[in-house]
Every structure is written in C-alpha cells, then in structure tokens.
C-alpha cells in the first residue's frame, strides 16, 4: 500500500539514507486510520523508497516505529518471509540497544 492511499498529510521532511543500496526518504507526518479503523504508526513503500512515521507520537515511539519500518524494508529487499510479532521484537530490541536511536539521529541530520 502506498502512503498516499492512507491519507498521509505532508509533514516534516527528514534526510535520506541508504538501505540495501536504495536511498529512502523518511517523513514525520500525520497518518490516518487503516480500513479496519486501527491507528497507523508508520508505513513504508518499497516502490517509492519512502518511510512514514506518525508525528503525533512520543520520541521513543517514533524511533521504535522507524526501526520497525526499516526492518520491513530489509525483509522486503531480501524477499524473506516475516511476521509482525518478529518485527516488533526486533525493533524493540534494537531500540533498547540504542541502534534505533542511532539510525534516527543519522536520518534527522
């Protein structure tokens, strides 16, 4: 699904960075609820190399959500199967280790 299909409003433009040889743009923006009415915290689009993070969250939630979407991109780029629980576990673990914050600061430059 494309970010534009979820009613993402234009937000704060962030720097670009590389994932697997592809340049990704990251935006903090306002995301609408999905078709089931669930709040969207973040999303990615491998066709447009875009990651969106909802700007209304606390800093730690933004960073964890960003890491979650980066992991999605890595799995998509490699064609590996994955599930949300595994990605949640990895993104939370990388947040605890400081890796997620390191990448967030790199993107925010």
PDB file of N, CA and C in Angstrom:
ATOM      1  N   UNK A   1       0.831  -1.181   0.000  1.00  0.00           N
ATOM      2  CA  UNK A   1       0.000   0.000   0.000  1.00  0.00           C
ATOM      3  C   UNK A   1       0.872   1.239   0.000  1.00  0.00           C
ATOM      4  N   UNK A   2       0.453   2.209  -0.748  1.00  0.00           N
ATOM      5  CA  UNK A   2       1.233   3.427  -0.848  1.00  0.00           C
ATOM      6  C   UNK A   2       0.845   4.405   0.246  1.00  0.00           C
ATOM      7  N   UNK A   3       1.812   5.194   0.734  1.00  0.00           N
ATOM      8  CA  UNK A   3       1.493   6.189   1.740  1.00  0.00           C
ATOM      9  C   UNK A   3       0.348   7.106   1.341  1.00  0.00           C
ATOM     10  N   UNK A   4       0.263   7.465   0.078  1.00  0.00           N
ATOM     11  CA  UNK A   4      -0.810   8.365  -0.354  1.00  0.00           C
ATOM     12  C   UNK A   4      -2.180   7.723  -0.230  1.00  0.00           C
ATOM     13  N   UNK A   5      -2.248   6.409  -0.208  1.00  0.00           N
ATOM     14  CA  UNK A   5      -3.515   5.712  -0.075  1.00  0.00           C
ATOM     15  C   UNK A   5      -4.021   5.719   1.360  1.00  0.00           C
ATOM     16  N   UNK A   6      -3.218   6.147   2.282  1.00  0.00           N
ATOM     17  CA  UNK A   6      -3.597   6.159   3.690  1.00  0.00           C
ATOM     18  C   UNK A   6      -3.824   7.557   4.214  1.00  0.00           C
ATOM     19  N   UNK A   7      -3.964   8.508   3.342  1.00  0.00           N
ATOM     20  CA  UNK A   7      -4.273   9.866   3.761  1.00  0.00           C
ATOM     21  C   UNK A   7      -3.152  10.552   4.502  1.00  0.00           C
ATOM     22  N   UNK A   8      -1.933  10.197   4.202  1.00  0.00           N
ATOM     23  CA  UNK A   8      -0.805  10.856   4.857  1.00  0.00           C
ATOM     24  C   UNK A   8      -0.743  12.304   4.412  1.00  0.00           C
ATOM     25  N   UNK A   9      -0.676  13.195   5.379  1.00  0.00           N
ATOM     26  CA  UNK A   9      -0.518  14.603   5.078  1.00  0.00           C
ATOM     27  C   UNK A   9       0.956  14.922   5.026  1.00  0.00           C
ATOM     28  N   UNK A  10       1.314  15.919   4.241  1.00  0.00           N
ATOM     29  CA  UNK A  10       2.716  16.305   4.153  1.00  0.00           C
ATOM     30  C   UNK A  10       3.210  16.742   5.526  1.00  0.00           C
ATOM     31  N   UNK A  11       4.354  16.235   5.911  1.00  0.00           N
ATOM     32  CA  UNK A  11       4.866  16.505   7.244  1.00  0.00           C
ATOM     33  C   UNK A  11       6.263  17.081   7.214  1.00  0.00           C
ATOM     34  N   UNK A  12       7.035  16.762   8.216  1.00  0.00           N
ATOM     35  CA  UNK A  12       8.399  17.246   8.354  1.00  0.00           C
ATOM     36  C   UNK A  12       9.317  16.365   7.514  1.00  0.00           C
ATOM     37  N   UNK A  13       9.975  16.962   6.539  1.00  0.00           N
ATOM     38  CA  UNK A  13      10.901  16.214   5.692  1.00  0.00           C
ATOM     39  C   UNK A  13      12.174  15.911   6.462  1.00  0.00           C
ATOM     40  N   UNK A  14      12.595  14.700   6.349  1.00  0.00           N
ATOM     41  CA  UNK A  14      13.822  14.280   7.008  1.00  0.00           C
ATOM     42  C   UNK A  14      14.842  13.926   5.936  1.00  0.00           C
ATOM     43  N   UNK A  15      16.057  13.748   6.350  1.00  0.00           N
ATOM     44  CA  UNK A  15      17.117  13.390   5.421  1.00  0.00           C
ATOM     45  C   UNK A  15      16.868  12.026   4.807  1.00  0.00           C
ATOM     46  N   UNK A  16      17.572  11.791   3.738  1.00  0.00           N
ATOM     47  CA  UNK A  16      17.524  10.493   3.078  1.00  0.00           C
ATOM     48  C   UNK A  16      18.657   9.633   3.625  1.00  0.00           C
ATOM     49  N   UNK A  17      18.474   8.325   3.533  1.00  0.00           N
ATOM     50  CA  UNK A  17      19.535   7.411   3.941  1.00  0.00           C
ATOM     51  C   UNK A  17      19.426   6.133   3.128  1.00  0.00           C
ATOM     52  N   UNK A  18      20.454   5.308   3.186  1.00  0.00           N
ATOM     53  CA  UNK A  18      20.549   4.107   2.368  1.00  0.00           C
ATOM     54  C   UNK A  18      20.137   2.870   3.145  1.00  0.00           C
ATOM     55  N   UNK A  19      19.343   2.028   2.490  1.00  0.00           N
ATOM     56  CA  UNK A  19      19.036   0.681   2.993  1.00  0.00           C
ATOM     57  C   UNK A  19      19.255  -0.262   1.820  1.00  0.00           C
ATOM     58  N   UNK A  20      20.220  -1.150   1.943  1.00  0.00           N
ATOM     59  CA  UNK A  20      20.465  -2.142   0.902  1.00  0.00           C
ATOM     60  C   UNK A  20      20.754  -1.554  -0.464  1.00  0.00           C
ATOM     61  N   UNK A  21      21.440  -0.429  -0.497  1.00  0.00           N
ATOM     62  CA  UNK A  21      21.790   0.197  -1.759  1.00  0.00           C
ATOM     63  C   UNK A  21      20.711   1.078  -2.351  1.00  0.00           C
ATOM     64  N   UNK A  22      19.593   1.247  -1.634  1.00  0.00           N
ATOM     65  CA  UNK A  22      18.487   2.086  -2.089  1.00  0.00           C
ATOM     66  C   UNK A  22      18.373   3.303  -1.180  1.00  0.00           C
ATOM     67  N   UNK A  23      18.174   4.470  -1.758  1.00  0.00           N
ATOM     68  CA  UNK A  23      18.013   5.691  -0.983  1.00  0.00           C
ATOM     69  C   UNK A  23      16.553   5.846  -0.577  1.00  0.00           C
ATOM     70  N   UNK A  24      16.318   5.940   0.729  1.00  0.00           N
ATOM     71  CA  UNK A  24      14.970   6.097   1.279  1.00  0.00           C
ATOM     72  C   UNK A  24      14.782   7.491   1.848  1.00  0.00           C
ATOM     73  N   UNK A  25      13.590   8.021   1.636  1.00  0.00           N
ATOM     74  CA  UNK A  25      13.180   9.295   2.219  1.00  0.00           C
ATOM     75  C   UNK A  25      12.310   8.957   3.427  1.00  0.00           C
ATOM     76  N   UNK A  26      12.513   9.679   4.532  1.00  0.00           N
ATOM     77  CA  UNK A  26      11.729   9.458   5.748  1.00  0.00           C
ATOM     78  C   UNK A  26      11.015  10.751   6.102  1.00  0.00           C
ATOM     79  N   UNK A  27       9.716  10.652   6.341  1.00  0.00           N
ATOM     80  CA  UNK A  27       8.914  11.812   6.714  1.00  0.00           C
ATOM     81  C   UNK A  27       8.185  11.558   8.024  1.00  0.00           C
ATOM     82  N   UNK A  28       8.152  12.572   8.874  1.00  0.00           N
ATOM     83  CA  UNK A  28       7.231  12.580  10.008  1.00  0.00           C
ATOM     84  C   UNK A  28       5.971  13.258   9.492  1.00  0.00           C
ATOM     85  N   UNK A  29       4.837  12.617   9.654  1.00  0.00           N
ATOM     86  CA  UNK A  29       3.605  13.115   9.069  1.00  0.00           C
ATOM     87  C   UNK A  29       2.414  12.678   9.916  1.00  0.00           C
ATOM     88  N   UNK A  30       1.218  13.033   9.499  1.00  0.00           N
ATOM     89  CA  UNK A  30       0.005  12.577  10.151  1.00  0.00           C
ATOM     90  C   UNK A  30      -0.560  11.428   9.333  1.00  0.00           C
ATOM     91  N   UNK A  31      -0.753  10.288   9.971  1.00  0.00           N
ATOM     92  CA  UNK A  31      -1.306   9.126   9.287  1.00  0.00           C
ATOM     93  C   UNK A  31      -2.737   8.892   9.756  1.00  0.00           C
ATOM     94  N   UNK A  32      -3.602   8.577   8.818  1.00  0.00           N
ATOM     95  CA  UNK A  32      -4.994   8.269   9.141  1.00  0.00           C
ATOM     96  C   UNK A  32      -5.106   6.807   9.556  1.00  0.00           C
ATOM     97  N   UNK A  33      -6.264   6.435  10.036  1.00  0.00           N
ATOM     98  CA  UNK A  33      -6.528   5.045  10.407  1.00  0.00           C
ATOM     99  C   UNK A  33      -6.637   4.178   9.150  1.00  0.00           C
ATOM    100  N   UNK A  34      -6.340   2.880   9.312  1.00  0.00           N
ATOM    101  CA  UNK A  34      -6.467   1.975   8.173  1.00  0.00           C
ATOM    102  C   UNK A  34      -7.922   1.557   7.983  1.00  0.00           C
ATOM    103  N   UNK A  35      -8.169   0.662   7.051  1.00  0.00           N
ATOM    104  CA  UNK A  35      -9.527   0.252   6.721  1.00  0.00           C
ATOM    105  C   UNK A  35     -10.265  -0.371   7.912  1.00  0.00           C
ATOM    106  N   UNK A  36      -9.528  -1.000   8.817  1.00  0.00           N
ATOM    107  CA  UNK A  36     -10.129  -1.621   9.994  1.00  0.00           C
ATOM    108  C   UNK A  36     -10.302  -0.636  11.150  1.00  0.00           C
ATOM    109  N   UNK A  37      -9.927   0.604  10.951  1.00  0.00           N
ATOM    110  CA  UNK A  37     -10.046   1.619  11.988  1.00  0.00           C
ATOM    111  C   UNK A  37      -8.870   1.667  12.951  1.00  0.00           C
ATOM    112  N   UNK A  38      -7.845   0.883  12.682  1.00  0.00           N
ATOM    113  CA  UNK A  38      -6.664   0.848  13.541  1.00  0.00           C
ATOM    114  C   UNK A  38      -5.746   2.021  13.210  1.00  0.00           C
ATOM    115  N   UNK A  39      -5.200   2.662  14.242  1.00  0.00           N
ATOM    116  CA  UNK A  39      -4.260   3.765  14.032  1.00  0.00           C
ATOM    117  C   UNK A  39      -2.994   3.257  13.368  1.00  0.00           C
ATOM    118  N   UNK A  40      -2.513   3.990  12.386  1.00  0.00           N
ATOM    119  CA  UNK A  40      -1.251   3.667  11.740  1.00  0.00           C
ATOM    120  C   UNK A  40      -0.150   4.477  12.403  1.00  0.00           C
ATOM    121  N   UNK A  41       0.876   3.802  12.872  1.00  0.00           N
ATOM    122  CA  UNK A  41       2.006   4.465  13.500  1.00  0.00           C
ATOM    123  C   UNK A  41       3.101   4.761  12.491  1.00  0.00           C
ATOM    124  N   UNK A  42       3.219   3.898  11.495  1.00  0.00           N
ATOM    125  CA  UNK A  42       4.225   4.070  10.463  1.00  0.00           C
ATOM    126  C   UNK A  42       3.907   3.184   9.280  1.00  0.00           C
ATOM    127  N   UNK A  43       4.580   3.447   8.182  1.00  0.00           N
ATOM    128  CA  UNK A  43       4.425   2.617   6.992  1.00  0.00           C
ATOM    129  C   UNK A  43       5.606   2.845   6.061  1.00  0.00           C
ATOM    130  N   UNK A  44       5.760   1.916   5.122  1.00  0.00           N
ATOM    131  CA  UNK A  44       6.838   2.042   4.140  1.00  0.00           C
ATOM    132  C   UNK A  44       6.296   1.694   2.763  1.00  0.00           C
ATOM    133  N   UNK A  45       6.996   2.162   1.751  1.00  0.00           N
ATOM    134  CA  UNK A  45       6.656   1.856   0.370  1.00  0.00           C
ATOM    135  C   UNK A  45       7.961   1.583  -0.362  1.00  0.00           C
ATOM    136  N   UNK A  46       8.198   0.315  -0.712  1.00  0.00           N
ATOM    137  CA  UNK A  46       9.452  -0.032  -1.376  1.00  0.00           C
ATOM    138  C   UNK A  46       9.474   0.429  -2.834  1.00  0.00           C
ATOM    139  N   UNK A  47       8.314   0.723  -3.405  1.00  0.00           N
ATOM    140  CA  UNK A  47       8.278   1.217  -4.790  1.00  0.00           C
ATOM    141  C   UNK A  47       8.751   2.660  -4.877  1.00  0.00           C
ATOM    142  N   UNK A  48       8.440   3.466  -3.868  1.00  0.00           N
ATOM    143  CA  UNK A  48       8.849   4.871  -3.874  1.00  0.00           C
ATOM    144  C   UNK A  48       9.984   5.155  -2.893  1.00  0.00           C
ATOM    145  N   UNK A  49      10.468   4.119  -2.207  1.00  0.00           N
ATOM    146  CA  UNK A  49      11.542   4.255  -1.215  1.00  0.00           C
ATOM    147  C   UNK A  49      11.204   5.330  -0.181  1.00  0.00           C
ATOM    148  N   UNK A  50      10.050   5.135   0.462  1.00  0.00           N
ATOM    149  CA  UNK A  50       9.557   6.088   1.444  1.00  0.00           C
ATOM    150  C   UNK A  50       9.202   5.372   2.737  1.00  0.00           C
ATOM    151  N   UNK A  51       9.547   6.004   3.858  1.00  0.00           N
ATOM    152  CA  UNK A  51       9.120   5.555   5.182  1.00  0.00           C
ATOM    153  C   UNK A  51       8.402   6.725   5.836  1.00  0.00           C
ATOM    154  N   UNK A  52       7.205   6.478   6.359  1.00  0.00           N
ATOM    155  CA  UNK A  52       6.435   7.492   7.071  1.00  0.00           C
ATOM    156  C   UNK A  52       6.306   7.091   8.527  1.00  0.00           C
ATOM    157  N   UNK A  53       6.423   8.075   9.423  1.00  0.00           N
ATOM    158  CA  UNK A  53       6.266   7.876  10.858  1.00  0.00           C
ATOM    159  C   UNK A  53       5.291   8.940  11.353  1.00  0.00           C
ATOM    160  N   UNK A  54       4.287   8.513  12.120  1.00  0.00           N
ATOM    161  CA  UNK A  54       3.288   9.466  12.611  1.00  0.00           C
ATOM    162  C   UNK A  54       3.952  10.471  13.547  1.00  0.00           C
ATOM    163  N   UNK A  55       3.752  11.745  13.254  1.00  0.00           N
ATOM    164  CA  UNK A  55       4.419  12.814  14.008  1.00  0.00           C
ATOM    165  C   UNK A  55       3.812  13.071  15.375  1.00  0.00           C
ATOM    166  N   UNK A  56       2.658  12.494  15.675  1.00  0.00           N
ATOM    167  CA  UNK A  56       1.964  12.755  16.940  1.00  0.00           C
ATOM    168  C   UNK A  56       2.473  11.895  18.096  1.00  0.00           C
ATOM    169  N   UNK A  57       3.377  10.961  17.824  1.00  0.00           N
ATOM    170  CA  UNK A  57       3.861  10.047  18.875  1.00  0.00           C
ATOM    171  C   UNK A  57       4.987  10.665  19.691  1.00  0.00           C
ATOM    172  N   UNK A  58       5.247  10.050  20.840  1.00  0.00           N
ATOM    173  CA  UNK A  58       6.406  10.443  21.638  1.00  0.00           C
ATOM    174  C   UNK A  58       7.680  10.084  20.867  1.00  0.00           C
ATOM    175  N   UNK A  59       8.781  10.684  21.261  1.00  0.00           N
ATOM    176  CA  UNK A  59      10.059  10.432  20.586  1.00  0.00           C
ATOM    177  C   UNK A  59      10.394   8.940  20.560  1.00  0.00           C
ATOM    178  N   UNK A  60      10.283   8.265  21.696  1.00  0.00           N
ATOM    179  CA  UNK A  60      10.667   6.851  21.751  1.00  0.00           C
ATOM    180  C   UNK A  60       9.794   6.001  20.832  1.00  0.00           C
ATOM    181  N   UNK A  61       8.497   6.316  20.723  1.00  0.00           N
ATOM    182  CA  UNK A  61       7.600   5.570  19.826  1.00  0.00           C
ATOM    183  C   UNK A  61       7.939   5.859  18.363  1.00  0.00           C
ATOM    184  N   UNK A  62       8.299   7.092  18.054  1.00  0.00           N
ATOM    185  CA  UNK A  62       8.708   7.419  16.684  1.00  0.00           C
ATOM    186  C   UNK A  62       9.939   6.607  16.294  1.00  0.00           C
ATOM    187  N   UNK A  63      10.905   6.573  17.189  1.00  0.00           N
ATOM    188  CA  UNK A  63      12.158   5.869  16.908  1.00  0.00           C
ATOM    189  C   UNK A  63      11.909   4.377  16.750  1.00  0.00           C
ATOM    190  N   UNK A  64      11.109   3.800  17.632  1.00  0.00           N
ATOM    191  CA  UNK A  64      10.809   2.367  17.535  1.00  0.00           C
ATOM    192  C   UNK A  64      10.022   2.063  16.257  1.00  0.00           C
ATOM    193  N   UNK A  65       9.064   2.909  15.916  1.00  0.00           N
ATOM    194  CA  UNK A  65       8.273   2.715  14.698  1.00  0.00           C
ATOM    195  C   UNK A  65       9.153   2.837  13.461  1.00  0.00           C
ATOM    196  N   UNK A  66      10.047   3.816  13.465  1.00  0.00           N
ATOM    197  CA  UNK A  66      11.001   3.975  12.369  1.00  0.00           C
ATOM    198  C   UNK A  66      11.820   2.694  12.204  1.00  0.00           C
ATOM    199  N   UNK A  67      12.339   2.155  13.312  1.00  0.00           N
ATOM    200  CA  UNK A  67      13.131   0.926  13.255  1.00  0.00           C
ATOM    201  C   UNK A  67      12.288  -0.226  12.725  1.00  0.00           C
ATOM    202  N   UNK A  68      11.036  -0.298  13.153  1.00  0.00           N
ATOM    203  CA  UNK A  68      10.101  -1.325  12.693  1.00  0.00           C
ATOM    204  C   UNK A  68       9.966  -1.262  11.160  1.00  0.00           C
ATOM    205  N   UNK A  69       9.790  -0.072  10.629  1.00  0.00           N
ATOM    206  CA  UNK A  69       9.635   0.082   9.177  1.00  0.00           C
ATOM    207  C   UNK A  69      10.936  -0.223   8.440  1.00  0.00           C
ATOM    208  N   UNK A  70      12.072   0.135   9.022  1.00  0.00           N
ATOM    209  CA  UNK A  70      13.365  -0.202   8.412  1.00  0.00           C
ATOM    210  C   UNK A  70      13.504  -1.726   8.310  1.00  0.00           C
ATOM    211  N   UNK A  71      13.107  -2.443   9.346  1.00  0.00           N
ATOM    212  CA  UNK A  71      13.186  -3.909   9.311  1.00  0.00           C
ATOM    213  C   UNK A  71      12.260  -4.462   8.226  1.00  0.00           C
ATOM    214  N   UNK A  72      11.064  -3.897   8.093  1.00  0.00           N
ATOM    215  CA  UNK A  72      10.172  -4.299   6.997  1.00  0.00           C
ATOM    216  C   UNK A  72      10.873  -4.151   5.651  1.00  0.00           C
ATOM    217  N   UNK A  73      11.540  -3.009   5.456  1.00  0.00           N
ATOM    218  CA  UNK A  73      12.234  -2.751   4.195  1.00  0.00           C
ATOM    219  C   UNK A  73      13.336  -3.775   3.966  1.00  0.00           C
ATOM    220  N   UNK A  74      14.097  -4.071   5.000  1.00  0.00           N
ATOM    221  CA  UNK A  74      15.181  -5.057   4.868  1.00  0.00           C
ATOM    222  C   UNK A  74      14.615  -6.402   4.453  1.00  0.00           C
ATOM    223  N   UNK A  75      13.547  -6.846   5.107  1.00  0.00           N
ATOM    224  CA  UNK A  75      12.909  -8.110   4.732  1.00  0.00           C
ATOM    225  C   UNK A  75      12.379  -8.049   3.301  1.00  0.00           C
ATOM    226  N   UNK A  76      11.733  -6.962   2.915  1.00  0.00           N
ATOM    227  CA  UNK A  76      11.194  -6.826   1.560  1.00  0.00           C
ATOM    228  C   UNK A  76      12.311  -6.871   0.521  1.00  0.00           C
ATOM    229  N   UNK A  77      13.428  -6.200   0.815  1.00  0.00           N
ATOM    230  CA  UNK A  77      14.550  -6.178  -0.128  1.00  0.00           C
ATOM    231  C   UNK A  77      15.175  -7.554  -0.320  1.00  0.00           C
ATOM    232  N   UNK A  78      15.112  -8.389   0.702  1.00  0.00           N
ATOM    233  CA  UNK A  78      15.733  -9.711   0.614  1.00  0.00           C
ATOM    234  C   UNK A  78      14.739 -10.801   0.250  1.00  0.00           C
ATOM    235  N   UNK A  79      13.452 -10.464   0.209  1.00  0.00           N
ATOM    236  CA  UNK A  79      12.432 -11.445  -0.149  1.00  0.00           C
ATOM    237  C   UNK A  79      12.149 -12.473   0.926  1.00  0.00           C
ATOM    238  N   UNK A  80      12.569 -12.191   2.153  1.00  0.00           N
ATOM    239  CA  UNK A  80      12.356 -13.134   3.257  1.00  0.00           C
ATOM    240  C   UNK A  80      10.936 -13.010   3.820  1.00  0.00           C
ATOM    241  N   UNK A  81      10.387 -14.146   4.223  1.00  0.00           N
ATOM    242  CA  UNK A  81       9.106 -14.143   4.921  1.00  0.00           C
ATOM    243  C   UNK A  81       9.310 -13.627   6.336  1.00  0.00           C
ATOM    244  N   UNK A  82       8.287 -12.966   6.881  1.00  0.00           N
ATOM    245  CA  UNK A  82       8.367 -12.433   8.235  1.00  0.00           C
ATOM    246  C   UNK A  82       6.960 -12.186   8.758  1.00  0.00           C
ATOM    247  N   UNK A  83       6.877 -11.966  10.055  1.00  0.00           N
ATOM    248  CA  UNK A  83       5.582 -11.621  10.629  1.00  0.00           C
ATOM    249  C   UNK A  83       5.738 -10.411  11.543  1.00  0.00           C
ATOM    250  N   UNK A  84       4.625  -9.782  11.849  1.00  0.00           N
ATOM    251  CA  UNK A  84       4.643  -8.554  12.647  1.00  0.00           C
ATOM    252  C   UNK A  84       5.228  -8.766  14.040  1.00  0.00           C
ATOM    253  N   UNK A  85       4.945  -9.878  14.664  1.00  0.00           N
ATOM    254  CA  UNK A  85       5.475 -10.121  16.015  1.00  0.00           C
ATOM    255  C   UNK A  85       7.001 -10.186  16.002  1.00  0.00           C
ATOM    256  N   UNK A  86       7.562 -10.817  14.987  1.00  0.00           N
ATOM    257  CA  UNK A  86       9.025 -10.895  14.897  1.00  0.00           C
ATOM    258  C   UNK A  86       9.618  -9.504  14.674  1.00  0.00           C
ATOM    259  N   UNK A  87       8.978  -8.726  13.824  1.00  0.00           N
ATOM    260  CA  UNK A  87       9.472  -7.370  13.569  1.00  0.00           C
ATOM    261  C   UNK A  87       9.319  -6.503  14.812  1.00  0.00           C
ATOM    262  N   UNK A  88       8.214  -6.654  15.541  1.00  0.00           N
ATOM    263  CA  UNK A  88       8.037  -5.919  16.795  1.00  0.00           C
ATOM    264  C   UNK A  88       9.144  -6.262  17.786  1.00  0.00           C
ATOM    265  N   UNK A  89       9.467  -7.545  17.907  1.00  0.00           N
ATOM    266  CA  UNK A  89      10.517  -7.977  18.835  1.00  0.00           C
ATOM    267  C   UNK A  89      11.871  -7.393  18.434  1.00  0.00           C
ATOM    268  N   UNK A  90      12.194  -7.448  17.154  1.00  0.00           N
ATOM    269  CA  UNK A  90      13.468  -6.906  16.678  1.00  0.00           C
ATOM    270  C   UNK A  90      13.545  -5.396  16.861  1.00  0.00           C
ATOM    271  N   UNK A  91      12.481  -4.685  16.504  1.00  0.00           N
ATOM    272  CA  UNK A  91      12.527  -3.224  16.612  1.00  0.00           C
ATOM    273  C   UNK A  91      12.628  -2.793  18.070  1.00  0.00           C
ATOM    274  N   UNK A  92      11.931  -3.485  18.973  1.00  0.00           N
ATOM    275  CA  UNK A  92      12.029  -3.151  20.386  1.00  0.00           C
ATOM    276  C   UNK A  92      13.419  -3.463  20.929  1.00  0.00           C
ATOM    277  N   UNK A  93      13.976  -4.596  20.537  1.00  0.00           N
ATOM    278  CA  UNK A  93      15.327  -4.953  20.980  1.00  0.00           C
ATOM    279  C   UNK A  93      16.372  -3.978  20.485  1.00  0.00           C
ATOM    280  N   UNK A  94      16.258  -3.551  19.225  1.00  0.00           N
ATOM    281  CA  UNK A  94      17.206  -2.585  18.675  1.00  0.00           C
ATOM    282  C   UNK A  94      17.026  -1.208  19.292  1.00  0.00           C
ATOM    283  N   UNK A  95      15.799  -0.890  19.718  1.00  0.00           N
ATOM    284  CA  UNK A  95      15.568   0.352  20.465  1.00  0.00           C
ATOM    285  C   UNK A  95      16.294   0.289  21.804  1.00  0.00           C
ATOM    286  N   UNK A  96      16.166  -0.831  22.503  1.00  0.00           N
ATOM    287  CA  UNK A  96      16.807  -0.990  23.810  1.00  0.00           C
ATOM    288  C   UNK A  96      18.331  -0.934  23.715  1.00  0.00           C
ATOM    289  N   UNK A  97      18.877  -1.413  22.623  1.00  0.00           N
ATOM    290  CA  UNK A  97      20.332  -1.407  22.429  1.00  0.00           C
ATOM    291  C   UNK A  97      20.868  -0.060  21.947  1.00  0.00           C
ATOM    292  N   UNK A  98      19.977   0.850  21.576  1.00  0.00           N
ATOM    293  CA  UNK A  98      20.406   2.159  21.096  1.00  0.00           C
ATOM    294  C   UNK A  98      20.615   2.237  19.594  1.00  0.00           C
ATOM    295  N   UNK A  99      20.435   1.128  18.897  1.00  0.00           N
ATOM    296  CA  UNK A  99      20.635   1.104  17.448  1.00  0.00           C
ATOM    297  C   UNK A  99      19.584   1.957  16.755  1.00  0.00           C
ATOM    298  N   UNK A 100      18.333   1.837  17.198  1.00  0.00           N
ATOM    299  CA  UNK A 100      17.244   2.589  16.575  1.00  0.00           C
ATOM    300  C   UNK A 100      17.467   4.093  16.722  1.00  0.00           C
ATOM    301  N   UNK A 101      17.859   4.532  17.897  1.00  0.00           N
ATOM    302  CA  UNK A 101      18.106   5.959  18.129  1.00  0.00           C
ATOM    303  C   UNK A 101      19.298   6.446  17.305  1.00  0.00           C
ATOM    304  N   UNK A 102      20.321   5.609  17.185  1.00  0.00           N
ATOM    305  CA  UNK A 102      21.477   5.950  16.353  1.00  0.00           C
ATOM    306  C   UNK A 102      21.049   6.207  14.913  1.00  0.00           C
ATOM    307  N   UNK A 103      20.231   5.304  14.339  1.00  0.00           N
ATOM    308  CA  UNK A 103      19.757   5.478  12.967  1.00  0.00           C
ATOM    309  C   UNK A 103      18.841   6.683  12.830  1.00  0.00           C
ATOM    310  N   UNK A 104      17.965   6.893  13.816  1.00  0.00           N
ATOM    311  CA  UNK A 104      17.045   8.049  13.792  1.00  0.00           C
ATOM    312  C   UNK A 104      17.841   9.354  13.740  1.00  0.00           C
ATOM    313  N   UNK A 105      18.875   9.457  14.592  1.00  0.00           N
ATOM    314  CA  UNK A 105      19.697  10.667  14.606  1.00  0.00           C
ATOM    315  C   UNK A 105      20.426  10.852  13.285  1.00  0.00           C
ATOM    316  N   UNK A 106      20.848   9.753  12.680  1.00  0.00           N
ATOM    317  CA  UNK A 106      21.509   9.822  11.378  1.00  0.00           C
ATOM    318  C   UNK A 106      20.555  10.353  10.313  1.00  0.00           C
ATOM    319  N   UNK A 107      19.314   9.940  10.358  1.00  0.00           N
ATOM    320  CA  UNK A 107      18.318  10.369   9.381  1.00  0.00           C
ATOM    321  C   UNK A 107      17.901  11.814   9.618  1.00  0.00           C
ATOM    322  N   UNK A 108      17.877  12.239  10.868  1.00  0.00           N
ATOM    323  CA  UNK A 108      17.408  13.592  11.216  1.00  0.00           C
ATOM    324  C   UNK A 108      18.422  14.670  10.854  1.00  0.00           C
ATOM    325  N   UNK A 109      19.655  14.316  10.529  1.00  0.00           N
ATOM    326  CA  UNK A 109      20.691  15.317  10.215  1.00  0.00           C
ATOM    327  C   UNK A 109      20.287  16.177   9.051  1.00  0.00           C
TER     328      UNK A 109
END
